[in-house]
Structure formats: C-alpha cells, structure tokens
C-alpha cells in the first residue's frame, strides 16, 4: 500500500495541473506541448479569433513556449469556418507575449473555408507539414508570414 501512495499523489497533481490550465499536455519527442481545448479558443460567428486571455494567463512560462494549436471542427456545436485576421499573430502582439506555437493541426477543421490576414504572422516555431483542409478557398495576405519553421510540405487535404 505504501508503494502506491506516491504514484497516486503524482497522478493527482498532474490531473489538477491539467484542469488548472484548461489544456491538455501531451508528450511529444520529450517536450510537453500544451493543446488548448475547445473552450480555450475565442470564437464568434464561426470564426476563431485567438486564444482566451484566461487560458493564456493560466500557463507557466515554460508552457507558453510549447503551445500545440489543434484547430477544432466545432466549438459549442457550431462549425469552425474561419480563422480570423491576426488570430494567432505573434509579431507586434502583446497578448501572446512570451508564447511560442510549436505545431499547427488543421485536420479536424473540415468546415474551415478561410484563414485570415496575418493569422499566424511571426509563428516561426511551428514545424512540420502544413495541411490545408480541402474547403479552404481563401488565405489572407501574410497569413503565414514569418512561419519559417515549417519543415514539411504543403498538403491540400481532399484534393
């Protein structure tokens, strides 16, 4: 029984830390990535406008450096159709001060039709392949400007 107490306490602390940040932590290549949940995104009329300040203020400095953006297909039952202008813009944006996006997954956003101007401007930490859902018909100017970390290829899903 004594040997079980310590692992249970560690597990409880981990569960509480996840619930406190409102995010999911995932082990990926030795680095902990914070993945915002549906409710951590600001959302209006089908458009994701960024991450909530409550979510961001609940992160440690280390967690802010390891944000894995997984754009959901729906939020509160409503289809995500766009990523708004400046939604995740890191350059010249104090809201995301100290933040680094390390990956971007749009594969769940099957209803996504547009990505706004400067949406990911300056997010140089995003790496991997950029997979654009097939329904995307518009990508704004400088949407991915400064995203120099992409190491893979551009993939248009469903095409």
N, C-alpha and C. Protein backbone atom coordinates (compact mmCIF):
# COMPACT_ATOMS: atom_id res chain seq x y z
N UNK A 1 0.82 -1.19 0.00
CA UNK A 1 0.00 0.00 0.00
C UNK A 1 0.87 1.26 0.00
N UNK A 2 2.00 1.25 0.73
CA UNK A 2 2.87 2.42 0.78
C UNK A 2 3.46 2.74 -0.59
N UNK A 3 3.75 1.70 -1.38
CA UNK A 3 4.33 1.91 -2.71
C UNK A 3 3.36 2.52 -3.70
N UNK A 4 2.09 2.47 -3.42
CA UNK A 4 1.07 3.00 -4.32
C UNK A 4 0.78 4.47 -4.02
N UNK A 5 0.98 4.92 -2.80
CA UNK A 5 0.65 6.28 -2.39
C UNK A 5 1.36 7.34 -3.23
N UNK A 6 2.67 7.22 -3.39
CA UNK A 6 3.44 8.23 -4.10
C UNK A 6 3.00 8.35 -5.56
N UNK A 7 2.86 7.24 -6.32
CA UNK A 7 2.39 7.38 -7.70
C UNK A 7 0.99 7.98 -7.79
N UNK A 8 0.11 7.68 -6.83
CA UNK A 8 -1.23 8.25 -6.84
C UNK A 8 -1.20 9.75 -6.58
N UNK A 9 -0.33 10.18 -5.69
CA UNK A 9 -0.19 11.61 -5.40
C UNK A 9 0.33 12.33 -6.64
N UNK A 10 1.32 11.75 -7.30
CA UNK A 10 1.88 12.36 -8.52
C UNK A 10 0.80 12.45 -9.59
N UNK A 11 0.01 11.40 -9.75
CA UNK A 11 -1.06 11.39 -10.73
C UNK A 11 -2.10 12.47 -10.41
N UNK A 12 -2.45 12.61 -9.16
CA UNK A 12 -3.41 13.63 -8.74
C UNK A 12 -2.89 15.03 -9.04
N UNK A 13 -1.63 15.28 -8.76
CA UNK A 13 -1.03 16.58 -9.04
C UNK A 13 -1.06 16.87 -10.55
N UNK A 14 -0.76 15.88 -11.37
CA UNK A 14 -0.80 16.06 -12.82
C UNK A 14 -2.21 16.37 -13.30
N UNK A 15 -3.19 15.65 -12.79
CA UNK A 15 -4.58 15.89 -13.17
C UNK A 15 -5.00 17.29 -12.79
N UNK A 16 -4.65 17.72 -11.59
CA UNK A 16 -5.01 19.06 -11.15
C UNK A 16 -4.33 20.14 -11.98
N UNK A 17 -3.08 19.92 -12.37
CA UNK A 17 -2.38 20.92 -13.18
C UNK A 17 -3.00 21.02 -14.57
N UNK A 18 -3.47 19.92 -15.12
CA UNK A 18 -4.13 19.96 -16.42
C UNK A 18 -5.44 20.72 -16.30
N UNK A 19 -6.22 20.45 -15.26
CA UNK A 19 -7.50 21.11 -15.08
C UNK A 19 -7.32 22.60 -14.82
N UNK A 20 -6.24 22.98 -14.16
CA UNK A 20 -5.99 24.39 -13.86
C UNK A 20 -5.72 25.18 -15.12
N UNK A 21 -4.96 24.63 -16.06
CA UNK A 21 -4.64 25.36 -17.28
C UNK A 21 -5.75 25.27 -18.30
N UNK A 22 -6.67 24.34 -18.15
CA UNK A 22 -7.73 24.18 -19.13
C UNK A 22 -7.22 23.60 -20.42
N UNK A 23 -6.07 22.99 -20.39
CA UNK A 23 -5.46 22.45 -21.60
C UNK A 23 -5.07 21.00 -21.40
N UNK A 24 -4.64 20.40 -22.47
CA UNK A 24 -4.17 19.02 -22.43
C UNK A 24 -2.68 19.05 -22.66
N UNK A 25 -1.94 18.32 -21.83
CA UNK A 25 -0.49 18.22 -22.04
C UNK A 25 -0.23 16.88 -22.72
N UNK A 26 0.63 16.90 -23.71
CA UNK A 26 0.95 15.67 -24.42
C UNK A 26 2.46 15.53 -24.52
N UNK A 27 2.93 14.33 -24.37
CA UNK A 27 4.35 14.04 -24.51
C UNK A 27 4.63 13.88 -26.00
N UNK A 28 5.58 14.64 -26.52
CA UNK A 28 5.89 14.59 -27.93
C UNK A 28 7.38 14.84 -28.09
N UNK A 29 8.12 13.78 -28.32
CA UNK A 29 9.54 13.91 -28.53
C UNK A 29 10.28 14.49 -27.35
N UNK A 30 9.80 14.26 -26.14
CA UNK A 30 10.48 14.73 -24.96
C UNK A 30 10.03 16.11 -24.49
N UNK A 31 9.23 16.78 -25.28
CA UNK A 31 8.77 18.11 -24.89
C UNK A 31 7.28 18.06 -24.57
N UNK A 32 6.88 18.73 -23.51
CA UNK A 32 5.47 18.81 -23.17
C UNK A 32 4.83 19.91 -24.00
N UNK A 33 3.80 19.55 -24.73
CA UNK A 33 3.06 20.50 -25.54
C UNK A 33 1.73 20.76 -24.86
N UNK A 34 1.31 21.99 -24.85
CA UNK A 34 0.01 22.36 -24.33
C UNK A 34 -0.94 22.48 -25.51
N UNK A 35 -2.03 21.72 -25.44
CA UNK A 35 -3.02 21.76 -26.51
C UNK A 35 -4.30 22.39 -25.97
N UNK A 36 -4.61 23.59 -26.43
CA UNK A 36 -5.85 24.22 -25.96
C UNK A 36 -7.07 23.37 -26.31
N UNK A 37 -8.03 23.37 -25.40
CA UNK A 37 -9.30 22.69 -25.65
C UNK A 37 -10.24 23.65 -26.34
N UNK A 38 -11.36 23.11 -26.80
CA UNK A 38 -12.38 23.89 -27.48
C UNK A 38 -12.69 25.21 -26.76
N UNK A 39 -12.90 25.11 -25.45
CA UNK A 39 -13.30 26.29 -24.68
C UNK A 39 -12.17 27.31 -24.46
N UNK A 40 -10.94 26.96 -24.85
CA UNK A 40 -9.81 27.86 -24.70
C UNK A 40 -9.65 28.82 -25.88
N UNK A 41 -10.41 28.56 -26.95
CA UNK A 41 -10.38 29.42 -28.12
C UNK A 41 -11.45 30.50 -28.01
N UNK A 42 -11.14 31.71 -28.44
CA UNK A 42 -12.16 32.75 -28.56
C UNK A 42 -12.84 32.51 -29.90
N UNK A 43 -14.17 32.60 -29.91
CA UNK A 43 -14.94 32.16 -31.07
C UNK A 43 -16.17 33.04 -31.23
N UNK A 44 -16.41 33.48 -32.46
CA UNK A 44 -17.58 34.33 -32.73
C UNK A 44 -18.03 34.12 -34.17
N UNK A 45 -19.31 33.77 -34.34
CA UNK A 45 -19.93 33.63 -35.67
C UNK A 45 -19.12 32.73 -36.60
N UNK A 46 -18.65 31.60 -36.10
CA UNK A 46 -17.93 30.64 -36.92
C UNK A 46 -16.43 30.89 -37.04
N UNK A 47 -15.96 32.00 -36.47
CA UNK A 47 -14.54 32.37 -36.60
C UNK A 47 -13.79 32.23 -35.28
N UNK A 48 -12.65 31.57 -35.35
CA UNK A 48 -11.74 31.54 -34.20
C UNK A 48 -10.95 32.84 -34.26
N UNK A 49 -10.99 33.59 -33.16
CA UNK A 49 -10.32 34.89 -33.14
C UNK A 49 -9.05 34.88 -32.29
N UNK A 50 -8.72 33.73 -31.71
CA UNK A 50 -7.49 33.61 -30.93
C UNK A 50 -7.68 32.72 -29.72
N UNK A 51 -6.73 32.80 -28.81
CA UNK A 51 -6.81 32.07 -27.55
C UNK A 51 -7.30 33.02 -26.46
N UNK A 52 -8.07 32.49 -25.53
CA UNK A 52 -8.61 33.34 -24.47
C UNK A 52 -7.51 33.80 -23.52
N UNK A 53 -7.69 34.99 -22.97
CA UNK A 53 -6.72 35.51 -22.02
C UNK A 53 -6.72 34.68 -20.73
N UNK A 54 -7.86 34.11 -20.36
CA UNK A 54 -7.91 33.22 -19.19
C UNK A 54 -7.01 32.01 -19.40
N UNK A 55 -7.07 31.43 -20.59
CA UNK A 55 -6.23 30.28 -20.91
C UNK A 55 -4.76 30.68 -20.83
N UNK A 56 -4.40 31.77 -21.49
CA UNK A 56 -3.00 32.20 -21.54
C UNK A 56 -2.46 32.56 -20.16
N UNK A 57 -3.27 33.20 -19.33
CA UNK A 57 -2.80 33.60 -18.00
C UNK A 57 -2.64 32.40 -17.07
N UNK A 58 -3.24 31.28 -17.41
CA UNK A 58 -3.11 30.07 -16.60
C UNK A 58 -1.89 29.23 -16.94
N UNK A 59 -1.10 29.65 -17.93
CA UNK A 59 0.07 28.89 -18.35
C UNK A 59 1.34 29.39 -17.68
N UNK A 60 2.25 28.47 -17.42
CA UNK A 60 3.57 28.85 -16.93
C UNK A 60 4.38 29.38 -18.11
N UNK A 61 5.51 30.02 -17.84
CA UNK A 61 6.37 30.50 -18.91
C UNK A 61 6.82 29.35 -19.80
N UNK A 62 7.12 28.21 -19.22
CA UNK A 62 7.56 27.04 -19.99
C UNK A 62 6.42 26.54 -20.89
N UNK A 63 5.22 26.49 -20.35
CA UNK A 63 4.07 26.03 -21.14
C UNK A 63 3.78 26.97 -22.30
N UNK A 64 3.96 28.28 -22.07
CA UNK A 64 3.74 29.25 -23.15
C UNK A 64 4.68 29.03 -24.33
N UNK A 65 5.80 28.39 -24.07
CA UNK A 65 6.78 28.12 -25.12
C UNK A 65 6.48 26.84 -25.90
N UNK A 66 5.44 26.12 -25.54
CA UNK A 66 5.15 24.81 -26.14
C UNK A 66 3.66 24.64 -26.47
N UNK A 67 3.08 25.62 -27.14
CA UNK A 67 1.65 25.55 -27.46
C UNK A 67 1.44 24.85 -28.80
N UNK A 68 0.69 23.77 -28.76
CA UNK A 68 0.35 22.97 -29.93
C UNK A 68 -1.08 23.34 -30.33
N UNK A 69 -1.23 24.06 -31.43
CA UNK A 69 -2.55 24.51 -31.87
C UNK A 69 -3.24 23.40 -32.65
N UNK A 70 -4.34 22.92 -32.13
CA UNK A 70 -5.18 21.95 -32.82
C UNK A 70 -6.52 22.65 -33.02
N UNK A 71 -6.76 23.07 -34.24
CA UNK A 71 -7.98 23.82 -34.53
C UNK A 71 -9.15 22.83 -34.61
N UNK A 72 -10.14 23.01 -33.73
CA UNK A 72 -11.27 22.06 -33.71
C UNK A 72 -12.23 22.27 -34.88
N UNK A 73 -13.00 21.25 -35.18
CA UNK A 73 -14.00 21.33 -36.24
C UNK A 73 -15.24 22.09 -35.80
N UNK A 74 -15.56 21.99 -34.51
CA UNK A 74 -16.71 22.71 -33.96
C UNK A 74 -16.35 23.27 -32.59
N UNK A 75 -17.03 24.33 -32.22
CA UNK A 75 -16.93 24.89 -30.88
C UNK A 75 -18.36 25.16 -30.43
N UNK A 76 -18.70 24.61 -29.30
CA UNK A 76 -20.07 24.72 -28.77
C UNK A 76 -21.12 24.30 -29.81
N UNK A 77 -20.78 23.26 -30.57
CA UNK A 77 -21.72 22.74 -31.56
C UNK A 77 -21.78 23.52 -32.86
N UNK A 78 -21.03 24.61 -32.97
CA UNK A 78 -21.03 25.43 -34.18
C UNK A 78 -19.76 25.15 -34.98
N UNK A 79 -19.92 24.98 -36.28
CA UNK A 79 -18.79 24.68 -37.17
C UNK A 79 -17.80 25.83 -37.23
N UNK A 80 -16.53 25.49 -37.14
CA UNK A 80 -15.46 26.48 -37.32
C UNK A 80 -15.28 26.66 -38.83
N UNK A 81 -15.57 27.87 -39.31
CA UNK A 81 -15.46 28.14 -40.74
C UNK A 81 -14.27 29.03 -41.10
N UNK A 82 -13.74 29.74 -40.10
CA UNK A 82 -12.61 30.61 -40.42
C UNK A 82 -11.70 30.83 -39.20
N UNK A 83 -10.49 31.21 -39.53
CA UNK A 83 -9.54 31.68 -38.54
C UNK A 83 -9.38 33.16 -38.85
N UNK A 84 -9.75 33.99 -37.92
CA UNK A 84 -9.84 35.43 -38.14
C UNK A 84 -8.49 36.10 -38.36
N UNK A 85 -8.57 37.29 -38.90
CA UNK A 85 -7.40 38.15 -39.08
C UNK A 85 -6.69 38.30 -37.73
N UNK A 86 -5.36 38.13 -37.73
CA UNK A 86 -4.50 38.31 -36.56
C UNK A 86 -4.78 37.34 -35.40
N UNK A 87 -5.55 36.28 -35.63
CA UNK A 87 -5.97 35.38 -34.54
C UNK A 87 -4.81 34.85 -33.71
N UNK A 88 -3.73 34.43 -34.36
CA UNK A 88 -2.59 33.86 -33.65
C UNK A 88 -1.30 34.59 -34.01
N UNK A 89 -1.45 35.83 -34.38
CA UNK A 89 -0.30 36.67 -34.78
C UNK A 89 0.61 36.88 -33.58
N UNK A 90 1.86 36.49 -33.73
CA UNK A 90 2.82 36.66 -32.63
C UNK A 90 3.57 37.98 -32.75
N UNK A 91 3.87 38.39 -33.96
CA UNK A 91 4.63 39.63 -34.16
C UNK A 91 3.78 40.84 -33.80
N UNK A 92 4.35 41.75 -33.03
CA UNK A 92 3.70 43.01 -32.65
C UNK A 92 2.37 42.79 -31.93
N UNK A 93 2.27 41.75 -31.14
CA UNK A 93 1.02 41.43 -30.43
C UNK A 93 1.34 41.11 -28.98
N UNK A 94 1.07 42.02 -28.07
CA UNK A 94 1.41 41.82 -26.66
C UNK A 94 0.56 40.72 -26.00
N UNK A 95 -0.60 40.42 -26.56
CA UNK A 95 -1.44 39.37 -26.00
C UNK A 95 -0.68 38.05 -25.90
N UNK A 96 0.13 37.76 -26.91
CA UNK A 96 0.86 36.50 -26.95
C UNK A 96 2.32 36.66 -26.51
N UNK A 97 2.61 37.68 -25.73
CA UNK A 97 3.96 37.91 -25.24
C UNK A 97 4.48 36.68 -24.51
N UNK A 98 5.64 36.19 -24.91
CA UNK A 98 6.24 35.02 -24.28
C UNK A 98 5.72 33.70 -24.82
N UNK A 99 4.83 33.74 -25.81
CA UNK A 99 4.26 32.50 -26.35
C UNK A 99 5.01 32.04 -27.60
N UNK A 100 4.99 30.74 -27.79
CA UNK A 100 5.58 30.13 -28.97
C UNK A 100 4.68 28.98 -29.38
N UNK A 101 4.17 29.04 -30.60
CA UNK A 101 3.37 27.95 -31.14
C UNK A 101 4.33 26.98 -31.81
N UNK A 102 4.27 25.70 -31.43
CA UNK A 102 5.24 24.74 -31.94
C UNK A 102 4.69 23.83 -33.03
N UNK A 103 3.37 23.77 -33.14
CA UNK A 103 2.78 22.98 -34.22
C UNK A 103 1.37 23.47 -34.49
N UNK A 104 0.89 23.14 -35.67
CA UNK A 104 -0.44 23.56 -36.11
C UNK A 104 -1.12 22.37 -36.79
N UNK A 105 -2.30 22.02 -36.29
CA UNK A 105 -3.06 20.91 -36.85
C UNK A 105 -4.44 21.43 -37.26
N UNK A 106 -4.69 21.46 -38.55
CA UNK A 106 -5.97 21.92 -39.09
C UNK A 106 -6.85 20.75 -39.53
N UNK A 107 -6.38 19.52 -39.34
CA UNK A 107 -7.07 18.35 -39.89
C UNK A 107 -8.47 18.12 -39.34
N UNK A 108 -8.77 18.59 -38.15
CA UNK A 108 -10.12 18.42 -37.58
C UNK A 108 -11.09 19.48 -38.08
N UNK A 109 -10.58 20.54 -38.67
CA UNK A 109 -11.39 21.67 -39.10
C UNK A 109 -11.89 21.47 -40.53
N UNK A 110 -12.69 20.45 -40.74
CA UNK A 110 -13.16 20.11 -42.09
C UNK A 110 -14.09 21.16 -42.68
N UNK A 111 -14.69 22.02 -41.87
CA UNK A 111 -15.56 23.09 -42.37
C UNK A 111 -14.84 24.41 -42.58
N UNK A 112 -13.53 24.42 -42.35
CA UNK A 112 -12.75 25.65 -42.48
C UNK A 112 -12.72 26.10 -43.94
N UNK A 113 -13.12 27.35 -44.19
CA UNK A 113 -13.13 27.88 -45.55
C UNK A 113 -12.15 29.03 -45.76
N UNK A 114 -11.72 29.67 -44.66
CA UNK A 114 -10.79 30.79 -44.83
C UNK A 114 -9.85 30.95 -43.64
N UNK A 115 -8.68 31.45 -43.98
CA UNK A 115 -7.66 31.77 -42.98
C UNK A 115 -7.32 33.24 -43.19
N UNK A 116 -7.56 34.03 -42.20
CA UNK A 116 -7.45 35.48 -42.32
C UNK A 116 -6.04 36.03 -42.46
N UNK A 117 -6.00 37.29 -42.84
CA UNK A 117 -4.76 38.03 -42.99
C UNK A 117 -3.98 38.00 -41.68
N UNK A 118 -2.68 37.75 -41.77
CA UNK A 118 -1.77 37.73 -40.61
C UNK A 118 -2.16 36.71 -39.54
N UNK A 119 -2.97 35.72 -39.87
CA UNK A 119 -3.49 34.79 -38.87
C UNK A 119 -2.40 34.14 -38.01
N UNK A 120 -1.29 33.78 -38.62
CA UNK A 120 -0.20 33.12 -37.89
C UNK A 120 1.12 33.89 -38.06
N UNK A 121 1.02 35.16 -38.38
CA UNK A 121 2.18 36.01 -38.64
C UNK A 121 3.19 35.88 -37.50
N UNK A 122 4.43 35.55 -37.86
CA UNK A 122 5.52 35.51 -36.89
C UNK A 122 5.61 34.24 -36.07
N UNK A 123 4.80 33.25 -36.38
CA UNK A 123 4.83 31.98 -35.62
C UNK A 123 5.91 31.06 -36.18
N UNK A 124 7.15 31.48 -36.01
CA UNK A 124 8.28 30.77 -36.60
C UNK A 124 8.56 29.42 -35.96
N UNK A 125 7.99 29.16 -34.80
CA UNK A 125 8.22 27.89 -34.11
C UNK A 125 7.39 26.74 -34.63
N UNK A 126 6.37 27.03 -35.44
CA UNK A 126 5.54 25.96 -35.98
C UNK A 126 6.36 25.16 -36.97
N UNK A 127 6.36 23.85 -36.78
CA UNK A 127 7.12 22.99 -37.69
C UNK A 127 6.24 21.86 -38.19
N UNK A 128 6.77 21.12 -39.15
CA UNK A 128 6.03 20.01 -39.75
C UNK A 128 5.39 20.42 -41.05
N UNK A 129 4.54 19.56 -41.57
CA UNK A 129 3.84 19.84 -42.82
C UNK A 129 2.62 20.71 -42.55
N UNK A 130 2.32 21.58 -43.48
CA UNK A 130 1.13 22.41 -43.40
C UNK A 130 0.06 21.73 -44.25
N UNK A 131 -0.99 21.25 -43.60
CA UNK A 131 -2.07 20.54 -44.29
C UNK A 131 -3.31 21.41 -44.26
N UNK A 132 -3.69 21.91 -45.42
CA UNK A 132 -4.83 22.80 -45.55
C UNK A 132 -6.07 21.98 -45.92
N UNK A 133 -7.16 22.08 -45.13
CA UNK A 133 -8.39 21.35 -45.46
C UNK A 133 -8.92 21.74 -46.85
N UNK A 134 -9.57 20.81 -47.53
CA UNK A 134 -10.00 21.00 -48.91
C UNK A 134 -11.02 22.11 -49.12
N UNK A 135 -11.78 22.48 -48.09
CA UNK A 135 -12.80 23.52 -48.25
C UNK A 135 -12.24 24.94 -48.16
N UNK A 136 -10.96 25.07 -47.81
CA UNK A 136 -10.36 26.41 -47.71
C UNK A 136 -10.25 27.01 -49.10
N UNK A 137 -10.93 28.14 -49.29
CA UNK A 137 -10.91 28.83 -50.58
C UNK A 137 -10.21 30.18 -50.52
N UNK A 138 -9.92 30.64 -49.29
CA UNK A 138 -9.27 31.94 -49.16
C UNK A 138 -8.23 31.91 -48.04
N UNK A 139 -7.05 32.40 -48.36
CA UNK A 139 -5.98 32.57 -47.37
C UNK A 139 -5.52 34.01 -47.50
N UNK A 140 -5.66 34.76 -46.41
CA UNK A 140 -5.34 36.18 -46.42
C UNK A 140 -3.86 36.48 -46.58
N UNK A 141 -3.57 37.72 -46.96
CA UNK A 141 -2.19 38.18 -47.11
C UNK A 141 -1.42 37.95 -45.82
N UNK A 142 -0.22 37.49 -45.95
CA UNK A 142 0.71 37.29 -44.84
C UNK A 142 0.17 36.36 -43.75
N UNK A 143 -0.77 35.49 -44.10
CA UNK A 143 -1.36 34.57 -43.11
C UNK A 143 -0.28 33.73 -42.43
N UNK A 144 0.74 33.36 -43.17
CA UNK A 144 1.80 32.52 -42.62
C UNK A 144 3.16 33.23 -42.71
N UNK A 145 3.16 34.54 -42.79
CA UNK A 145 4.40 35.31 -42.89
C UNK A 145 5.26 35.06 -41.65
N UNK A 146 6.53 34.77 -41.89
CA UNK A 146 7.46 34.54 -40.79
C UNK A 146 7.36 33.15 -40.19
N UNK A 147 6.54 32.30 -40.75
CA UNK A 147 6.43 30.91 -40.27
C UNK A 147 7.52 30.09 -40.94
N UNK A 148 8.72 30.33 -40.53
CA UNK A 148 9.89 29.72 -41.16
C UNK A 148 10.21 28.33 -40.65
N UNK A 149 9.47 27.87 -39.66
CA UNK A 149 9.74 26.57 -39.06
C UNK A 149 9.14 25.39 -39.76
N UNK A 150 8.27 25.64 -40.77
CA UNK A 150 7.69 24.50 -41.48
C UNK A 150 8.81 23.70 -42.13
N UNK A 151 8.85 22.42 -41.82
CA UNK A 151 9.91 21.57 -42.34
C UNK A 151 9.39 20.59 -43.38
N UNK A 152 8.09 20.50 -43.46
CA UNK A 152 7.49 19.54 -44.38
C UNK A 152 7.01 20.21 -45.63
N UNK A 153 5.95 19.65 -46.17
CA UNK A 153 5.40 20.13 -47.42
C UNK A 153 4.01 20.71 -47.21
N UNK A 154 3.54 21.44 -48.19
CA UNK A 154 2.17 21.94 -48.18
C UNK A 154 1.28 20.84 -48.71
N UNK A 155 0.27 20.47 -47.96
CA UNK A 155 -0.65 19.41 -48.37
C UNK A 155 -2.05 19.97 -48.38
N UNK A 156 -2.72 19.90 -49.51
CA UNK A 156 -4.11 20.32 -49.59
C UNK A 156 -4.95 19.07 -49.41
N UNK A 157 -5.61 18.96 -48.27
CA UNK A 157 -6.38 17.76 -47.94
C UNK A 157 -7.60 17.63 -48.86
N UNK A 158 -7.84 16.43 -49.34
CA UNK A 158 -9.01 16.15 -50.14
C UNK A 158 -8.89 16.57 -51.60
N UNK A 159 -7.71 17.01 -52.00
CA UNK A 159 -7.53 17.43 -53.39
C UNK A 159 -6.63 16.45 -54.10
